[in-house]
PDB file of N, CA and C in Angstrom:
ATOM      1  N   MET A   1       0.942  -1.062  -0.116  1.00  0.00           N
ATOM      2  CA  MET A   1      -0.087  -0.073  -0.021  1.00  0.00           C
ATOM      3  C   MET A   1       0.886   1.157  -0.010  1.00  0.00           C
ATOM      4  N   ARG A   2       0.384   2.216  -0.721  1.00  0.00           N
ATOM      5  CA  ARG A   2       1.165   3.530  -0.873  1.00  0.00           C
ATOM      6  C   ARG A   2       0.919   4.177   0.313  1.00  0.00           C
ATOM      7  N   THR A   3       1.943   5.085   1.101  1.00  0.00           N
ATOM      8  CA  THR A   3       1.411   5.878   2.098  1.00  0.00           C
ATOM      9  C   THR A   3       0.574   7.109   1.780  1.00  0.00           C
ATOM     10  N   PRO A   4      -0.386   6.775   2.446  1.00  0.00           N
ATOM     11  CA  PRO A   4      -1.407   7.996   2.081  1.00  0.00           C
ATOM     12  C   PRO A   4      -1.019   9.686   2.114  1.00  0.00           C
ATOM     13  N   VAL A   5      -1.139  10.218   1.257  1.00  0.00           N
ATOM     14  CA  VAL A   5      -1.070  12.008   1.800  1.00  0.00           C
ATOM     15  C   VAL A   5      -1.973  12.513   2.818  1.00  0.00           C
ATOM     16  N   LEU A   6      -1.888  12.675   3.609  1.00  0.00           N
ATOM     17  CA  LEU A   6      -2.586  13.444   4.858  1.00  0.00           C
ATOM     18  C   LEU A   6      -2.337  14.871   5.023  1.00  0.00           C
ATOM     19  N   ASP A   7      -3.243  15.784   3.858  1.00  0.00           N
ATOM     20  CA  ASP A   7      -3.159  17.027   3.717  1.00  0.00           C
ATOM     21  C   ASP A   7      -4.609  17.836   3.799  1.00  0.00           C
ATOM     22  N   ARG A   8      -5.404  17.141   4.519  1.00  0.00           N
ATOM     23  CA  ARG A   8      -6.701  17.968   5.126  1.00  0.00           C
ATOM     24  C   ARG A   8      -6.546  17.777   6.795  1.00  0.00           C
ATOM     25  N   ARG A   9      -6.712  19.353   7.120  1.00  0.00           N
ATOM     26  CA  ARG A   9      -6.975  19.645   8.702  1.00  0.00           C
ATOM     27  C   ARG A   9      -8.017  19.396   9.020  1.00  0.00           C
ATOM     28  N   LEU A  10      -8.514  18.250  10.023  1.00  0.00           N
ATOM     29  CA  LEU A  10      -9.800  18.087  10.355  1.00  0.00           C
ATOM     30  C   LEU A  10      -9.965  18.053  12.194  1.00  0.00           C
ATOM     31  N   THR A  11     -11.314  18.779  12.538  1.00  0.00           N
ATOM     32  CA  THR A  11     -11.146  18.865  13.911  1.00  0.00           C
ATOM     33  C   THR A  11     -12.238  17.501  14.351  1.00  0.00           C
ATOM     34  N   LEU A  12     -11.810  16.550  15.371  1.00  0.00           N
ATOM     35  CA  LEU A  12     -12.578  15.159  15.400  1.00  0.00           C
ATOM     36  C   LEU A  12     -13.377  16.106  16.605  1.00  0.00           C
ATOM     37  N   GLU A  13     -14.883  15.395  16.532  1.00  0.00           N
ATOM     38  CA  GLU A  13     -15.674  16.302  17.316  1.00  0.00           C
ATOM     39  C   GLU A  13     -16.669  15.202  18.358  1.00  0.00           C
ATOM     40  N   ALA A  14     -16.892  15.572  19.416  1.00  0.00           N
ATOM     41  CA  ALA A  14     -17.904  14.357  20.054  1.00  0.00           C
ATOM     42  C   ALA A  14     -19.099  15.110  20.839  1.00  0.00           C
ATOM     43  N   ALA A  15     -20.122  14.506  20.750  1.00  0.00           N
ATOM     44  CA  ALA A  15     -21.508  14.921  21.016  1.00  0.00           C
ATOM     45  C   ALA A  15     -21.708  14.875  22.889  1.00  0.00           C
ATOM     46  N   GLU A  16     -21.891  15.723  23.484  1.00  0.00           N
ATOM     47  CA  GLU A  16     -22.294  16.316  24.826  1.00  0.00           C
ATOM     48  C   GLU A  16     -23.558  16.545  25.178  1.00  0.00           C
ATOM     49  N   ARG A  17     -24.224  15.727  25.887  1.00  0.00           N
ATOM     50  CA  ARG A  17     -25.534  16.124  26.335  1.00  0.00           C
ATOM     51  C   ARG A  17     -25.392  16.912  27.531  1.00  0.00           C
ATOM     52  N   LEU A  18     -26.140  18.059  27.403  1.00  0.00           N
ATOM     53  CA  LEU A  18     -26.362  19.345  28.541  1.00  0.00           C
ATOM     54  C   LEU A  18     -27.851  19.137  29.142  1.00  0.00           C
ATOM     55  N   SER A  19     -28.271  19.376  30.403  1.00  0.00           N
ATOM     56  CA  SER A  19     -29.368  19.488  30.655  1.00  0.00           C
ATOM     57  C   SER A  19     -30.005  20.939  30.290  1.00  0.00           C
ATOM     58  N   ASP A  20     -31.134  21.008  29.768  1.00  0.00           N
ATOM     59  CA  ASP A  20     -32.050  22.096  29.278  1.00  0.00           C
ATOM     60  C   ASP A  20     -32.433  22.843  30.628  1.00  0.00           C
ATOM     61  N   GLY A  21     -32.311  21.997  31.584  1.00  0.00           N
ATOM     62  CA  GLY A  21     -33.162  22.552  32.912  1.00  0.00           C
ATOM     63  C   GLY A  21     -34.681  22.336  32.926  1.00  0.00           C
ATOM     64  N   LEU A  22     -35.687  21.776  31.851  1.00  0.00           N
ATOM     65  CA  LEU A  22     -36.726  21.247  31.758  1.00  0.00           C
ATOM     66  C   LEU A  22     -36.627  19.868  31.937  1.00  0.00           C
ATOM     67  N   GLY A  23     -35.565  19.153  32.173  1.00  0.00           N
ATOM     68  CA  GLY A  23     -36.037  17.531  32.022  1.00  0.00           C
ATOM     69  C   GLY A  23     -35.805  16.972  30.657  1.00  0.00           C
ATOM     70  N   GLY A  24     -35.120  17.928  30.115  1.00  0.00           N
ATOM     71  CA  GLY A  24     -34.670  17.214  28.508  1.00  0.00           C
ATOM     72  C   GLY A  24     -33.196  17.531  28.552  1.00  0.00           C
ATOM     73  N   PHE A  25     -32.898  17.703  27.469  1.00  0.00           N
ATOM     74  CA  PHE A  25     -31.581  17.906  27.141  1.00  0.00           C
ATOM     75  C   PHE A  25     -30.921  18.700  25.531  1.00  0.00           C
ATOM     76  N   VAL A  26     -29.985  19.184  25.744  1.00  0.00           N
ATOM     77  CA  VAL A  26     -29.497  19.960  24.231  1.00  0.00           C
ATOM     78  C   VAL A  26     -27.992  18.915  24.020  1.00  0.00           C
ATOM     79  N   GLU A  27     -28.119  18.903  22.526  1.00  0.00           N
ATOM     80  CA  GLU A  27     -26.718  18.333  22.227  1.00  0.00           C
ATOM     81  C   GLU A  27     -25.773  19.655  21.996  1.00  0.00           C
ATOM     82  N   ASN A  28     -24.777  19.133  22.193  1.00  0.00           N
ATOM     83  CA  ASN A  28     -23.638  20.486  22.085  1.00  0.00           C
ATOM     84  C   ASN A  28     -22.063  19.550  21.591  1.00  0.00           C
ATOM     85  N   TRP A  29     -21.312  19.868  20.633  1.00  0.00           N
ATOM     86  CA  TRP A  29     -20.505  19.294  20.019  1.00  0.00           C
ATOM     87  C   TRP A  29     -19.003  19.665  20.694  1.00  0.00           C
ATOM     88  N   VAL A  30     -18.022  18.889  21.359  1.00  0.00           N
ATOM     89  CA  VAL A  30     -17.035  19.786  21.598  1.00  0.00           C
ATOM     90  C   VAL A  30     -15.425  18.698  20.805  1.00  0.00           C
ATOM     91  N   SER A  31     -14.961  19.782  20.779  1.00  0.00           N
ATOM     92  CA  SER A  31     -13.412  19.627  19.937  1.00  0.00           C
ATOM     93  C   SER A  31     -12.580  18.303  20.683  1.00  0.00           C
ATOM     94  N   LEU A  32     -12.368  17.249  20.447  1.00  0.00           N
ATOM     95  CA  LEU A  32     -11.504  16.720  20.731  1.00  0.00           C
ATOM     96  C   LEU A  32      -9.951  16.561  20.589  1.00  0.00           C
ATOM     97  N   GLY A  33      -9.902  17.320  19.175  1.00  0.00           N
ATOM     98  CA  GLY A  33      -8.589  17.434  18.718  1.00  0.00           C
ATOM     99  C   GLY A  33      -8.391  17.689  16.906  1.00  0.00           C
ATOM    100  N   THR A  34      -7.206  18.219  16.597  1.00  0.00           N
ATOM    101  CA  THR A  34      -7.577  17.943  15.696  1.00  0.00           C
ATOM    102  C   THR A  34      -5.997  16.693  14.754  1.00  0.00           C
ATOM    103  N   LEU A  35      -6.512  16.386  13.655  1.00  0.00           N
ATOM    104  CA  LEU A  35      -5.725  15.002  12.719  1.00  0.00           C
ATOM    105  C   LEU A  35      -5.963  15.904  11.598  1.00  0.00           C
ATOM    106  N   TRP A  36      -4.573  15.266  10.899  1.00  0.00           N
ATOM    107  CA  TRP A  36      -4.519  15.438   9.715  1.00  0.00           C
ATOM    108  C   TRP A  36      -5.070  14.085   8.720  1.00  0.00           C
ATOM    109  N   ALA A  37      -5.817  14.406   7.809  1.00  0.00           N
ATOM    110  CA  ALA A  37      -6.418  13.336   7.325  1.00  0.00           C
ATOM    111  C   ALA A  37      -6.157  13.434   5.534  1.00  0.00           C
ATOM    112  N   ARG A  38      -6.661  12.293   4.637  1.00  0.00           N
ATOM    113  CA  ARG A  38      -6.975  12.191   3.325  1.00  0.00           C
ATOM    114  C   ARG A  38      -8.541  12.234   2.986  1.00  0.00           C
ATOM    115  N   ILE A  39      -9.029  12.817   2.379  1.00  0.00           N
ATOM    116  CA  ILE A  39     -10.770  12.694   1.957  1.00  0.00           C
ATOM    117  C   ILE A  39     -10.837  12.362   0.738  1.00  0.00           C
ATOM    118  N   ALA A  40     -11.701  11.131   0.431  1.00  0.00           N
ATOM    119  CA  ALA A  40     -11.999  10.509  -1.073  1.00  0.00           C
ATOM    120  C   ALA A  40     -12.757  10.219  -1.024  1.00  0.00           C
ATOM    121  N   PRO A  41     -13.654  11.208  -1.925  1.00  0.00           N
ATOM    122  CA  PRO A  41     -15.457  10.680  -2.307  1.00  0.00           C
ATOM    123  C   PRO A  41     -15.718  10.044  -2.470  1.00  0.00           C
ATOM    124  N   ARG A  42     -16.782   8.944  -2.471  1.00  0.00           N
ATOM    125  CA  ARG A  42     -17.452   8.073  -2.991  1.00  0.00           C
ATOM    126  C   ARG A  42     -18.611   8.356  -3.633  1.00  0.00           C
ATOM    127  N   SER A  43     -19.470   7.656  -4.214  1.00  0.00           N
ATOM    128  CA  SER A  43     -20.806   7.897  -4.720  1.00  0.00           C
ATOM    129  C   SER A  43     -21.860   8.404  -3.820  1.00  0.00           C
ATOM    130  N   GLY A  44     -22.472   9.639  -4.196  1.00  0.00           N
ATOM    131  CA  GLY A  44     -23.488   9.868  -3.495  1.00  0.00           C
ATOM    132  C   GLY A  44     -24.940   9.541  -4.181  1.00  0.00           C
ATOM    133  N   ARG A  45     -26.101   9.948  -3.552  1.00  0.00           N
ATOM    134  CA  ARG A  45     -27.195   9.858  -3.688  1.00  0.00           C
ATOM    135  C   ARG A  45     -28.163  11.237  -3.084  1.00  0.00           C
ATOM    136  N   GLU A  46     -28.963  11.402  -3.513  1.00  0.00           N
ATOM    137  CA  GLU A  46     -30.154  12.045  -3.003  1.00  0.00           C
ATOM    138  C   GLU A  46     -31.614  11.627  -2.956  1.00  0.00           C
ATOM    139  N   ILE A  47     -32.285  12.128  -1.652  1.00  0.00           N
ATOM    140  CA  ILE A  47     -33.204  11.581  -1.298  1.00  0.00           C
ATOM    141  C   ILE A  47     -34.666  12.462  -0.683  1.00  0.00           C
ATOM    142  N   GLY A  48     -35.820  12.250  -0.862  1.00  0.00           N
ATOM    143  CA  GLY A  48     -36.426  13.364  -0.435  1.00  0.00           C
ATOM    144  C   GLY A  48     -36.858  13.117   0.643  1.00  0.00           C
ATOM    145  N   VAL A  49     -36.862  13.973   2.031  1.00  0.00           N
ATOM    146  CA  VAL A  49     -36.957  14.523   3.117  1.00  0.00           C
ATOM    147  C   VAL A  49     -37.929  15.298   3.459  1.00  0.00           C
ATOM    148  N   GLY A  50     -39.576  14.934   3.594  1.00  0.00           N
ATOM    149  CA  GLY A  50     -40.523  16.080   3.897  1.00  0.00           C
ATOM    150  C   GLY A  50     -40.556  17.225   3.401  1.00  0.00           C
ATOM    151  N   GLY A  51     -40.464  16.628   1.832  1.00  0.00           N
ATOM    152  CA  GLY A  51     -40.542  18.086   0.827  1.00  0.00           C
ATOM    153  C   GLY A  51     -39.570  18.687   0.416  1.00  0.00           C
ATOM    154  N   ALA A  52     -38.279  18.271   1.021  1.00  0.00           N
ATOM    155  CA  ALA A  52     -36.581  19.074   0.814  1.00  0.00           C
ATOM    156  C   ALA A  52     -36.170  17.869   0.135  1.00  0.00           C
ATOM    157  N   THR A  53     -35.097  17.873  -0.274  1.00  0.00           N
ATOM    158  CA  THR A  53     -33.871  17.067  -1.088  1.00  0.00           C
ATOM    159  C   THR A  53     -32.800  17.047  -0.247  1.00  0.00           C
ATOM    160  N   LEU A  54     -32.480  15.928   0.568  1.00  0.00           N
ATOM    161  CA  LEU A  54     -31.265  15.902   1.102  1.00  0.00           C
ATOM    162  C   LEU A  54     -30.404  14.899   0.752  1.00  0.00           C
ATOM    163  N   SER A  55     -29.177  15.703   0.375  1.00  0.00           N
ATOM    164  CA  SER A  55     -27.866  15.003  -0.383  1.00  0.00           C
ATOM    165  C   SER A  55     -27.058  14.289   0.262  1.00  0.00           C
ATOM    166  N   GLN A  56     -27.080  13.147   0.473  1.00  0.00           N
ATOM    167  CA  GLN A  56     -26.048  12.375   1.243  1.00  0.00           C
ATOM    168  C   GLN A  56     -24.646  12.112   0.126  1.00  0.00           C
ATOM    169  N   VAL A  57     -23.561  12.200   0.678  1.00  0.00           N
ATOM    170  CA  VAL A  57     -22.273  12.062   0.128  1.00  0.00           C
ATOM    171  C   VAL A  57     -21.268  11.315   1.194  1.00  0.00           C
ATOM    172  N   PRO A  58     -21.009   9.954   0.698  1.00  0.00           N
ATOM    173  CA  PRO A  58     -20.218   9.167   1.643  1.00  0.00           C
ATOM    174  C   PRO A  58     -18.877   9.591   0.891  1.00  0.00           C
ATOM    175  N   TYR A  59     -17.781   9.699   2.202  1.00  0.00           N
ATOM    176  CA  TYR A  59     -16.519   9.767   1.765  1.00  0.00           C
ATOM    177  C   TYR A  59     -15.719   8.756   2.365  1.00  0.00           C
ATOM    178  N   ARG A  60     -14.431   8.612   2.267  1.00  0.00           N
ATOM    179  CA  ARG A  60     -13.420   7.519   2.795  1.00  0.00           C
ATOM    180  C   ARG A  60     -12.125   8.426   3.299  1.00  0.00           C
ATOM    181  N   ILE A  61     -12.307   8.816   4.952  1.00  0.00           N
ATOM    182  CA  ILE A  61     -11.286   9.702   5.617  1.00  0.00           C
ATOM    183  C   ILE A  61     -10.194   8.826   5.852  1.00  0.00           C
ATOM    184  N   THR A  62      -9.145   8.809   5.606  1.00  0.00           N
ATOM    185  CA  THR A  62      -8.107   7.905   6.386  1.00  0.00           C
ATOM    186  C   THR A  62      -6.969   9.012   7.295  1.00  0.00           C
ATOM    187  N   VAL A  63      -7.206   8.632   8.333  1.00  0.00           N
ATOM    188  CA  VAL A  63      -6.170   9.252   9.450  1.00  0.00           C
ATOM    189  C   VAL A  63      -5.392   8.288  10.049  1.00  0.00           C
ATOM    190  N   ARG A  64      -4.153   8.596  10.850  1.00  0.00           N
ATOM    191  CA  ARG A  64      -3.097   7.672  11.159  1.00  0.00           C
ATOM    192  C   ARG A  64      -3.644   7.232  12.689  1.00  0.00           C
ATOM    193  N   ALA A  65      -3.697   6.056  12.493  1.00  0.00           N
ATOM    194  CA  ALA A  65      -4.053   5.127  13.691  1.00  0.00           C
ATOM    195  C   ALA A  65      -3.629   5.846  14.952  1.00  0.00           C
ATOM    196  N   ALA A  66      -4.511   5.276  15.987  1.00  0.00           N
ATOM    197  CA  ALA A  66      -4.666   5.479  17.813  1.00  0.00           C
ATOM    198  C   ALA A  66      -5.170   4.333  18.168  1.00  0.00           C
ATOM    199  N   PRO A  67      -3.762   4.212  19.468  1.00  0.00           N
ATOM    200  CA  PRO A  67      -4.706   3.044  20.006  1.00  0.00           C
ATOM    201  C   PRO A  67      -6.189   2.991  20.451  1.00  0.00           C
ATOM    202  N   TYR A  68      -6.909   1.891  21.197  1.00  0.00           N
ATOM    203  CA  TYR A  68      -8.479   1.792  21.331  1.00  0.00           C
ATOM    204  C   TYR A  68      -8.468   2.229  22.549  1.00  0.00           C
ATOM    205  N   GLY A  69      -9.303   3.347  22.218  1.00  0.00           N
ATOM    206  CA  GLY A  69      -9.615   3.816  24.192  1.00  0.00           C
ATOM    207  C   GLY A  69      -8.706   5.538  24.338  1.00  0.00           C
ATOM    208  N   ALA A  70      -8.204   5.564  22.978  1.00  0.00           N
ATOM    209  CA  ALA A  70      -7.731   7.171  22.899  1.00  0.00           C
ATOM    210  C   ALA A  70      -8.320   7.898  22.649  1.00  0.00           C
ATOM    211  N   ALA A  71      -8.031   9.241  23.050  1.00  0.00           N
ATOM    212  CA  ALA A  71      -8.975  10.345  22.740  1.00  0.00           C
ATOM    213  C   ALA A  71      -9.157  10.853  21.340  1.00  0.00           C
ATOM    214  N   SER A  72      -8.328  10.400  20.814  1.00  0.00           N
ATOM    215  CA  SER A  72      -7.804  10.643  19.144  1.00  0.00           C
ATOM    216  C   SER A  72      -7.956   9.671  17.927  1.00  0.00           C
ATOM    217  N   ARG A  73      -8.679   8.845  18.934  1.00  0.00           N
ATOM    218  CA  ARG A  73      -9.019   7.616  17.877  1.00  0.00           C
ATOM    219  C   ARG A  73     -10.626   7.577  17.172  1.00  0.00           C
ATOM    220  N   PRO A  74     -11.298   8.032  16.257  1.00  0.00           N
ATOM    221  CA  PRO A  74     -12.622   8.380  15.767  1.00  0.00           C
ATOM    222  C   PRO A  74     -13.369   7.038  16.277  1.00  0.00           C
ATOM    223  N   ARG A  75     -14.739   7.511  16.569  1.00  0.00           N
ATOM    224  CA  ARG A  75     -15.471   6.510  16.856  1.00  0.00           C
ATOM    225  C   ARG A  75     -16.715   6.715  16.145  1.00  0.00           C
ATOM    226  N   PRO A  76     -17.583   5.349  15.902  1.00  0.00           N
ATOM    227  CA  PRO A  76     -18.771   6.147  14.869  1.00  0.00           C
ATOM    228  C   PRO A  76     -20.221   7.137  15.823  1.00  0.00           C
ATOM    229  N   ASP A  77     -19.543   7.329  16.782  1.00  0.00           N
ATOM    230  CA  ASP A  77     -20.533   8.228  17.348  1.00  0.00           C
ATOM    231  C   ASP A  77     -20.109  10.242  17.185  1.00  0.00           C
ATOM    232  N   GLN A  78     -18.717   9.715  16.509  1.00  0.00           N
ATOM    233  CA  GLN A  78     -18.500  11.122  16.516  1.00  0.00           C
ATOM    234  C   GLN A  78     -18.238  11.870  15.400  1.00  0.00           C
ATOM    235  N   ARG A  79     -17.645  12.963  14.922  1.00  0.00           N
ATOM    236  CA  ARG A  79     -17.896  13.328  13.234  1.00  0.00           C
ATOM    237  C   ARG A  79     -16.715  14.431  13.456  1.00  0.00           C
ATOM    238  N   PHE A  80     -15.996  14.297  11.976  1.00  0.00           N
ATOM    239  CA  PHE A  80     -15.193  15.613  11.786  1.00  0.00           C
ATOM    240  C   PHE A  80     -15.831  16.407  11.266  1.00  0.00           C
ATOM    241  N   ARG A  81     -14.907  17.781  11.742  1.00  0.00           N
ATOM    242  CA  ARG A  81     -15.327  19.456  11.116  1.00  0.00           C
ATOM    243  C   ARG A  81     -14.677  19.730  10.504  1.00  0.00           C
ATOM    244  N   GLU A  82     -14.583  20.536   8.864  1.00  0.00           N
ATOM    245  CA  GLU A  82     -13.730  21.093   8.556  1.00  0.00           C
ATOM    246  C   GLU A  82     -14.323  22.326   7.871  1.00  0.00           C
ATOM    247  N   GLY A  83     -13.965  23.514   8.711  1.00  0.00           N
ATOM    248  CA  GLY A  83     -14.720  24.600   8.804  1.00  0.00           C
ATOM    249  C   GLY A  83     -16.281  24.472   8.834  1.00  0.00           C
ATOM    250  N   SER A  84     -17.135  24.908   8.073  1.00  0.00           N
ATOM    251  CA  SER A  84     -18.365  24.867   8.179  1.00  0.00           C
ATOM    252  C   SER A  84     -18.741  23.187   7.458  1.00  0.00           C
ATOM    253  N   ARG A  85     -18.273  22.806   6.694  1.00  0.00           N
ATOM    254  CA  ARG A  85     -18.627  21.003   6.267  1.00  0.00           C
ATOM    255  C   ARG A  85     -18.035  19.851   7.532  1.00  0.00           C
ATOM    256  N   ILE A  86     -19.191  19.207   7.678  1.00  0.00           N
ATOM    257  CA  ILE A  86     -19.432  18.236   8.649  1.00  0.00           C
ATOM    258  C   ILE A  86     -19.687  16.977   8.389  1.00  0.00           C
ATOM    259  N   PHE A  87     -18.996  15.753   8.897  1.00  0.00           N
ATOM    260  CA  PHE A  87     -18.729  14.631   8.308  1.00  0.00           C
ATOM    261  C   PHE A  87     -19.080  13.946   9.304  1.00  0.00           C
ATOM    262  N   ARG A  88     -19.785  12.961   9.114  1.00  0.00           N
ATOM    263  CA  ARG A  88     -20.612  12.208  10.514  1.00  0.00           C
ATOM    264  C   ARG A  88     -19.861  10.698   9.950  1.00  0.00           C
ATOM    265  N   ILE A  89     -19.398   9.934  11.045  1.00  0.00           N
ATOM    266  CA  ILE A  89     -18.519   8.950  11.025  1.00  0.00           C
ATOM    267  C   ILE A  89     -19.571   7.955  11.618  1.00  0.00           C
ATOM    268  N   VAL A  90     -19.682   7.065  10.125  1.00  0.00           N
ATOM    269  CA  VAL A  90     -20.507   5.942  10.228  1.00  0.00           C
ATOM    270  C   VAL A  90     -19.533   4.527  10.520  1.00  0.00           C
ATOM    271  N   SER A  91     -18.386   4.268  10.224  1.00  0.00           N
ATOM    272  CA  SER A  91     -17.362   3.273  10.963  1.00  0.00           C
ATOM    273  C   SER A  91     -16.268   3.438  10.605  1.00  0.00           C
ATOM    274  N   VAL A  92     -15.279   2.963  11.325  1.00  0.00           N
ATOM    275  CA  VAL A  92     -13.878   2.855  11.676  1.00  0.00           C
ATOM    276  C   VAL A  92     -13.167   1.793  11.404  1.00  0.00           C
ATOM    277  N   ALA A  93     -12.048   1.493  10.700  1.00  0.00           N
ATOM    278  CA  ALA A  93     -11.561   0.451  10.427  1.00  0.00           C
ATOM    279  C   ALA A  93      -9.996   0.452  10.459  1.00  0.00           C
ATOM    280  N   ASP A  94      -9.390  -0.421  11.205  1.00  0.00           N
ATOM    281  CA  ASP A  94      -7.937  -0.255  11.031  1.00  0.00           C
ATOM    282  C   ASP A  94      -7.291  -0.935   9.197  1.00  0.00           C
ATOM    283  N   ASN A  95      -6.330  -0.007   9.382  1.00  0.00           N
ATOM    284  CA  ASN A  95      -5.727  -0.553   7.691  1.00  0.00           C
ATOM    285  C   ASN A  95      -5.614  -1.580   7.813  1.00  0.00           C
ATOM    286  N   VAL A  96      -5.529  -2.742   6.983  1.00  0.00           N
ATOM    287  CA  VAL A  96      -5.014  -4.075   7.246  1.00  0.00           C
ATOM    288  C   VAL A  96      -3.648  -4.499   6.523  1.00  0.00           C
ATOM    289  N   ASP A  97      -3.299  -3.572   5.814  1.00  0.00           N
ATOM    290  CA  ASP A  97      -1.861  -3.315   5.382  1.00  0.00           C
ATOM    291  C   ASP A  97      -0.794  -3.451   6.391  1.00  0.00           C
ATOM    292  N   ASN A  98      -0.925  -2.036   7.203  1.00  0.00           N
ATOM    293  CA  ASN A  98       0.216  -1.711   8.078  1.00  0.00           C
ATOM    294  C   ASN A  98      -0.232  -1.522   9.209  1.00  0.00           C
ATOM    295  N   GLY A  99      -1.499  -1.435   9.801  1.00  0.00           N
ATOM    296  CA  GLY A  99      -1.899  -1.148  10.693  1.00  0.00           C
ATOM    297  C   GLY A  99      -1.650   0.583  11.377  1.00  0.00           C
ATOM    298  N   ARG A 100      -0.979   1.061  10.642  1.00  0.00           N
ATOM    299  CA  ARG A 100      -0.793   2.703  10.711  1.00  0.00           C
ATOM    300  C   ARG A 100      -1.405   3.972  10.568  1.00  0.00           C
ATOM    301  N   TYR A 101      -2.662   3.220   9.963  1.00  0.00           N
ATOM    302  CA  TYR A 101      -3.598   4.461   9.837  1.00  0.00           C
ATOM    303  C   TYR A 101      -5.306   3.491   9.792  1.00  0.00           C
ATOM    304  N   LEU A 102      -6.072   4.345   9.797  1.00  0.00           N
ATOM    305  CA  LEU A 102      -7.540   4.333   9.826  1.00  0.00           C
ATOM    306  C   LEU A 102      -8.008   4.559   9.119  1.00  0.00           C
ATOM    307  N   THR A 103      -9.158   3.822   8.401  1.00  0.00           N
ATOM    308  CA  THR A 103     -10.275   4.268   7.672  1.00  0.00           C
ATOM    309  C   THR A 103     -11.557   4.563   8.185  1.00  0.00           C
ATOM    310  N   CYS A 104     -12.219   5.633   7.813  1.00  0.00           N
ATOM    311  CA  CYS A 104     -13.407   6.105   8.476  1.00  0.00           C
ATOM    312  C   CYS A 104     -14.265   6.061   7.273  1.00  0.00           C
ATOM    313  N   LEU A 105     -15.582   5.471   7.172  1.00  0.00           N
ATOM    314  CA  LEU A 105     -16.351   5.752   6.260  1.00  0.00           C
ATOM    315  C   LEU A 105     -17.377   6.887   6.727  1.00  0.00           C
ATOM    316  N   VAL A 106     -17.730   7.873   6.296  1.00  0.00           N
ATOM    317  CA  VAL A 106     -18.378   9.185   6.852  1.00  0.00           C
ATOM    318  C   VAL A 106     -19.485   9.170   5.819  1.00  0.00           C
ATOM    319  N   GLU A 107     -20.359  10.481   6.185  1.00  0.00           N
ATOM    320  CA  GLU A 107     -21.270  10.854   5.110  1.00  0.00           C
ATOM    321  C   GLU A 107     -21.206  12.728   5.636  1.00  0.00           C
ATOM    322  N   GLU A 108     -21.269  13.027   4.446  1.00  0.00           N
ATOM    323  CA  GLU A 108     -21.467  14.728   4.469  1.00  0.00           C
ATOM    324  C   GLU A 108     -23.191  14.677   3.931  1.00  0.00           C
ATOM    325  N   GLU A 109     -23.744  15.458   4.821  1.00  0.00           N
ATOM    326  CA  GLU A 109     -25.200  15.573   4.504  1.00  0.00           C
ATOM    327  C   GLU A 109     -25.440  17.060   4.333  1.00  0.00           C
ATOM    328  N   THR A 110     -25.991  17.283   3.075  1.00  0.00           N
ATOM    329  CA  THR A 110     -26.530  19.032   3.243  1.00  0.00           C
ATOM    330  C   THR A 110     -27.894  18.889   2.590  1.00  0.00           C
ATOM    331  N   LEU A 111     -28.243  20.195   2.985  1.00  0.00           N
ATOM    332  CA  LEU A 111     -29.997  20.245   3.033  1.00  0.00           C
ATOM    333  C   LEU A 111     -29.957  21.164   1.886  1.00  0.00           C
ATOM    334  N   SER A 112     -31.034  20.724   0.321  1.00  0.00           N
ATOM    335  CA  SER A 112     -31.260  22.005  -0.404  1.00  0.00           C
ATOM    336  C   SER A 112     -32.571  21.919  -0.741  1.00  0.00           C
TER     337      SER A 112
END
C-alpha cells in the first residue's frame, strides 16, 4: 500500500448532552483535537425528506492510527469538521496492510 497523503486538517468532535433545565437535554459538540487526514469521495445519492431534498455524499477519510480508547481515535458516534463542513462517522476500521492508519467511512449531509 502506498503511504496516504494526509493533507486536510480536520477537527474530531464528540457529542455532549447538557441538561436544558426542563427535564430534557440539548446536544453540544465539543472538540477532541485536530487530525491530519486524506479525504476521498465515494458515490453519492439524493433522497426526499419532508418536501426537501437531502443530498448524502459518502467519503472515505484516512487518518493516522491511534490505540483503542485513545481520545484521538475516531468512533462512529463522533464527527469530523472542516470549517462549516460536517462529516458524520459511520464506521472506523484499522488498515489491514500496515496498521498505521485508520479508514473512516463518513457521510456529509447537506439540505437543499
